[in-house]
């Protein structure tokens, strides 16, 4: 049954990630879409810590797991490096790490 929860959550998270990223990439050179989904996903995963197995499967593993993306984040960093946009690379890396960790921490604090 948990696999079904993961599938259902992912079916919502992945298209939402795609939509958010497409909307923001159309307006900005900086990868705000991936930054936003990764930070929001980190917060959601923080909130899901300690929840029941079914909720955790749906929310954290399925929805937030499909909403967030490590591979696109790394590709954005690589492309910034290749294009010699070192300031963009450093900002993306630093902001993503600081906001992502802060969002997860805040989610955990809210449910504690």
Protein backbone atom coordinates (compact mmCIF):
# COMPACT_ATOMS: atom_id res chain seq x y z
CA UNK A 1 0.00 0.00 0.00
CA UNK A 2 2.89 2.40 0.71
CA UNK A 3 4.01 2.12 -2.92
CA UNK A 4 0.61 3.43 -3.98
CA UNK A 5 0.98 6.43 -1.65
CA UNK A 6 4.42 7.17 -3.11
CA UNK A 7 3.06 6.93 -6.66
CA UNK A 8 0.12 9.22 -5.89
CA UNK A 9 2.33 11.81 -4.18
CA UNK A 10 4.85 11.73 -7.03
CA UNK A 11 2.06 12.12 -9.59
CA UNK A 12 1.29 15.49 -7.98
CA UNK A 13 4.83 16.61 -7.12
CA UNK A 14 6.55 16.03 -10.46
CA UNK A 15 4.11 18.01 -12.65
CA UNK A 16 4.03 20.79 -10.06
CA UNK A 17 7.84 21.01 -10.16
CA UNK A 18 7.78 21.15 -13.94
CA UNK A 19 5.12 23.87 -13.99
CA UNK A 20 6.84 26.06 -11.37
CA UNK A 21 10.23 25.71 -13.03
CA UNK A 22 8.87 26.50 -16.50
CA UNK A 23 7.03 29.60 -15.26
CA UNK A 24 10.08 31.01 -13.49
CA UNK A 25 12.66 30.07 -16.15
CA UNK A 26 10.60 31.94 -18.75
CA UNK A 27 11.13 35.15 -16.76
CA UNK A 28 14.59 34.76 -15.22
CA UNK A 29 18.05 33.52 -16.16
CA UNK A 30 18.75 32.44 -12.56
CA UNK A 31 17.19 29.01 -11.80
CA UNK A 32 14.63 30.31 -9.30
CA UNK A 33 12.19 27.51 -10.10
CA UNK A 34 14.49 24.76 -8.90
CA UNK A 35 15.52 26.85 -5.91
CA UNK A 36 11.88 27.36 -4.92
CA UNK A 37 10.83 23.73 -5.29
CA UNK A 38 13.88 22.46 -3.43
CA UNK A 39 13.37 24.85 -0.51
CA UNK A 40 9.62 24.19 -0.32
CA UNK A 41 10.26 20.45 -0.58
CA UNK A 42 12.82 20.61 2.24
CA UNK A 43 10.25 22.36 4.42
CA UNK A 44 7.59 19.78 3.59
CA UNK A 45 9.95 16.90 4.35
CA UNK A 46 10.78 18.58 7.68
CA UNK A 47 7.07 18.74 8.47
CA UNK A 48 6.62 15.07 7.57
CA UNK A 49 9.33 13.85 9.96
CA UNK A 50 7.71 11.69 12.59
CA UNK A 51 4.42 11.33 10.75
CA UNK A 52 2.78 7.97 10.23
CA UNK A 53 4.14 5.64 7.59
CA UNK A 54 1.33 6.26 5.09
CA UNK A 55 1.52 10.04 5.40
CA UNK A 56 5.31 9.97 5.20
CA UNK A 57 5.13 7.79 2.07
CA UNK A 58 2.65 10.13 0.37
CA UNK A 59 4.00 13.51 1.51
CA UNK A 60 7.75 13.12 2.03
CA UNK A 61 8.75 10.30 -0.29
CA UNK A 62 6.12 10.74 -3.01
CA UNK A 63 5.13 14.41 -3.23
CA UNK A 64 8.22 16.18 -1.86
CA UNK A 65 10.57 13.60 -3.37
CA UNK A 66 9.14 14.26 -6.83
CA UNK A 67 8.78 18.01 -6.25
CA UNK A 68 12.46 18.43 -5.41
CA UNK A 69 15.30 17.66 -7.77
CA UNK A 70 18.95 17.07 -7.08
CA UNK A 71 19.82 16.31 -10.71
CA UNK A 72 18.48 19.57 -12.14
CA UNK A 73 20.11 21.52 -9.31
CA UNK A 74 23.48 19.94 -10.17
CA UNK A 75 22.92 20.54 -13.89
CA UNK A 76 22.18 24.22 -13.20
CA UNK A 77 25.44 24.47 -11.23
CA UNK A 78 27.38 22.73 -14.00
CA UNK A 79 25.92 24.95 -16.73
CA UNK A 80 26.73 28.09 -14.75
CA UNK A 81 30.30 26.83 -14.44
CA UNK A 82 30.54 26.02 -18.15
CA UNK A 83 29.19 29.46 -19.06
CA UNK A 84 31.65 31.07 -16.63
CA UNK A 85 28.80 32.49 -14.54
CA UNK A 86 30.73 31.94 -11.33
CA UNK A 87 28.74 34.45 -9.29
CA UNK A 88 25.49 32.75 -10.31
CA UNK A 89 26.98 29.35 -9.44
CA UNK A 90 28.13 30.50 -6.00
CA UNK A 91 24.82 32.24 -5.27
CA UNK A 92 22.76 29.24 -6.35
CA UNK A 93 24.86 26.84 -4.30
CA UNK A 94 25.00 29.01 -1.19
CA UNK A 95 21.38 30.15 -1.23
CA UNK A 96 20.11 26.62 -1.94
CA UNK A 97 22.08 25.10 0.92
CA UNK A 98 21.26 27.81 3.45
CA UNK A 99 17.56 28.10 2.58
CA UNK A 100 17.10 24.34 2.13
CA UNK A 101 18.64 23.50 5.50
CA UNK A 102 16.75 26.36 7.16
CA UNK A 103 13.46 25.23 5.62
CA UNK A 104 13.94 21.64 6.78
CA UNK A 105 14.89 22.86 10.26
CA UNK A 106 11.83 25.13 10.40
CA UNK A 107 9.54 22.29 9.33
CA UNK A 108 10.97 20.03 12.04
CA UNK A 109 10.66 22.78 14.65
CA UNK A 110 7.03 23.42 13.77
CA UNK A 111 6.03 19.80 14.36
CA UNK A 112 8.15 19.33 17.50
